[in-house]
Amino acid sequence: MIALIDWFSSSSNILSLIPILIAIAAMYTSWKTQKRLVEIEEARERDRQREMHKADLVAQSERGDKIDHQVITNRGPAEAREISVLINGKPLKEFPAFVDNQEIRRIGPYSSFHYRLAFTSGMDLSY
């Protein structure tokens, strides 16, 4: 015990402890930083995986000579399921200009579907 007290009484010995304490603090800070970087990368990977399983549907109208089309396009990398097309809050099949009785429920990735619409003069579109 006395030898330890004698060792601390020398200022050069105390000064030699300072770099050791700084190194320990640097290691701890580095460990915490590395742990945080791993957490960030894991969160990015989860977000990327979630985006890979997401459909991105866009609806647009295309005018034709006699028949118009309502085009539903899936711009996402995943299949769109349980699709329901509404116009003014009502199902597409109830829309007066809807021609076919075909309604789709799924659209594959990066593909589209065209609904045919036939507008006539005097058609009630107040729907």
Protein backbone atom coordinates (compact mmCIF):
# COMPACT_ATOMS: atom_id res chain seq x y z
CA MET A 1 0.00 0.00 0.00
CA ILE A 2 2.85 2.35 0.84
CA ALA A 3 4.47 1.65 -2.51
CA LEU A 4 1.26 2.73 -4.24
CA ILE A 5 1.15 5.98 -2.24
CA ASP A 6 4.80 6.60 -3.08
CA TRP A 7 4.07 5.94 -6.76
CA PHE A 8 1.26 8.57 -6.77
CA SER A 9 3.40 11.09 -4.93
CA SER A 10 5.64 11.44 -7.94
CA SER A 11 4.24 13.99 -10.41
CA SER A 12 5.76 12.20 -13.41
CA ASN A 13 3.80 9.07 -12.51
CA ILE A 14 0.55 11.02 -12.29
CA LEU A 15 1.29 12.65 -15.64
CA SER A 16 1.75 9.22 -17.19
CA LEU A 17 -1.81 8.30 -16.12
CA ILE A 18 -3.36 11.19 -18.08
CA PRO A 19 -2.75 9.64 -21.55
CA ILE A 20 -4.15 6.34 -20.29
CA LEU A 21 -7.33 8.05 -19.06
CA ILE A 22 -7.64 9.96 -22.35
CA ALA A 23 -7.25 6.70 -24.29
CA ILE A 24 -9.97 5.04 -22.20
CA ALA A 25 -12.31 8.00 -22.77
CA ALA A 26 -11.57 7.91 -26.52
CA MET A 27 -12.29 4.18 -26.67
CA TYR A 28 -15.61 4.67 -24.87
CA THR A 29 -16.61 7.54 -27.18
CA SER A 30 -15.60 5.52 -30.23
CA TRP A 31 -17.64 2.53 -29.01
CA LYS A 32 -20.74 4.71 -28.47
CA THR A 33 -20.31 6.33 -31.92
CA GLN A 34 -19.91 2.95 -33.61
CA LYS A 35 -22.99 1.62 -31.82
CA ARG A 36 -25.01 4.63 -33.03
CA LEU A 37 -23.76 4.19 -36.62
CA VAL A 38 -24.86 0.56 -36.57
CA GLU A 39 -28.32 1.62 -35.33
CA ILE A 40 -28.60 4.20 -38.14
CA GLU A 41 -27.58 1.66 -40.79
CA GLU A 42 -30.06 -0.89 -39.45
CA ALA A 43 -32.85 1.72 -39.59
CA ARG A 44 -31.89 2.59 -43.18
CA GLU A 45 -32.00 -1.07 -44.13
CA ARG A 46 -35.45 -1.49 -42.55
CA ASP A 47 -36.69 1.56 -44.48
CA ARG A 48 -35.22 0.21 -47.72
CA GLN A 49 -36.87 -3.16 -47.17
CA ARG A 50 -40.20 -1.46 -46.45
CA GLU A 51 -39.92 0.58 -49.66
CA MET A 52 -39.22 -2.60 -51.62
CA HIS A 53 -42.60 -3.94 -50.51
CA LYS A 54 -44.60 -0.84 -51.36
CA ALA A 55 -46.85 -0.18 -54.35
CA ASP A 56 -47.17 3.35 -55.73
CA LEU A 57 -50.47 3.82 -57.57
CA VAL A 58 -51.16 6.77 -59.87
CA ALA A 59 -54.46 7.38 -61.67
CA GLN A 60 -54.78 9.44 -64.83
CA SER A 61 -57.28 9.95 -67.62
CA GLU A 62 -56.38 9.42 -71.26
CA ARG A 63 -58.62 10.90 -73.94
CA GLY A 64 -59.36 8.86 -77.05
CA ASP A 65 -61.44 9.45 -80.19
CA LYS A 66 -64.49 7.52 -79.02
CA ILE A 67 -63.42 5.82 -75.82
CA ASP A 68 -61.56 7.39 -72.91
CA HIS A 69 -59.48 5.42 -70.47
CA GLN A 70 -58.92 5.72 -66.76
CA VAL A 71 -55.39 4.38 -66.35
CA ILE A 72 -54.21 3.03 -63.01
CA THR A 73 -50.42 2.65 -62.96
CA ASN A 74 -48.32 0.96 -60.31
CA ARG A 75 -44.96 2.73 -60.24
CA GLY A 76 -43.75 0.79 -57.21
CA PRO A 77 -41.59 -2.34 -56.94
CA ALA A 78 -44.34 -4.40 -55.27
CA GLU A 79 -47.70 -5.75 -56.37
CA ALA A 80 -50.71 -3.57 -55.48
CA ARG A 81 -53.45 -5.66 -53.86
CA GLU A 82 -57.03 -5.03 -52.79
CA ILE A 83 -57.41 -2.13 -55.26
CA SER A 84 -60.62 -0.14 -55.14
CA VAL A 85 -61.17 2.60 -57.73
CA LEU A 86 -63.46 5.42 -56.64
CA ILE A 87 -64.71 8.43 -58.56
CA ASN A 88 -66.20 11.17 -56.39
CA GLY A 89 -66.20 8.72 -53.51
CA LYS A 90 -68.25 6.05 -55.30
CA PRO A 91 -67.11 2.77 -56.91
CA LEU A 92 -66.05 2.97 -60.54
CA LYS A 93 -68.64 0.37 -61.62
CA GLU A 94 -71.40 2.80 -60.59
CA PHE A 95 -69.98 5.59 -62.80
CA PRO A 96 -72.31 6.16 -65.80
CA ALA A 97 -69.47 6.21 -68.35
CA PHE A 98 -67.95 2.91 -67.15
CA VAL A 99 -68.13 0.50 -70.11
CA ASP A 100 -66.76 -2.88 -69.04
CA ASN A 101 -67.92 -4.78 -66.05
CA GLN A 102 -64.31 -5.72 -65.38
CA GLU A 103 -62.83 -4.58 -62.13
CA ILE A 104 -59.31 -5.49 -61.09
CA ARG A 105 -58.05 -6.11 -57.58
CA ARG A 106 -54.30 -6.41 -58.25
CA ILE A 107 -51.71 -4.65 -60.42
CA GLY A 108 -48.19 -6.01 -60.75
CA PRO A 109 -45.08 -3.92 -60.16
CA TYR A 110 -44.33 -1.29 -62.81
CA SER A 111 -47.50 -2.09 -64.79
CA SER A 112 -50.86 -0.49 -65.47
CA PHE A 113 -54.50 -1.26 -66.20
CA HIS A 114 -56.86 0.68 -68.48
CA TYR A 115 -60.54 1.06 -67.62
CA ARG A 116 -62.68 2.01 -70.63
CA LEU A 117 -65.00 4.99 -70.20
CA ALA A 118 -67.50 6.08 -72.86
CA PHE A 119 -68.92 9.56 -72.44
CA THR A 120 -72.03 10.49 -74.43
CA SER A 121 -73.70 13.83 -74.87
CA GLY A 122 -76.38 14.43 -72.28
CA MET A 123 -74.81 11.96 -69.81
CA ASP A 124 -75.46 12.89 -66.19
CA LEU A 125 -72.00 13.18 -64.66
CA SER A 126 -73.18 14.68 -61.39
CA TYR A 127 -72.68 11.17 -60.01
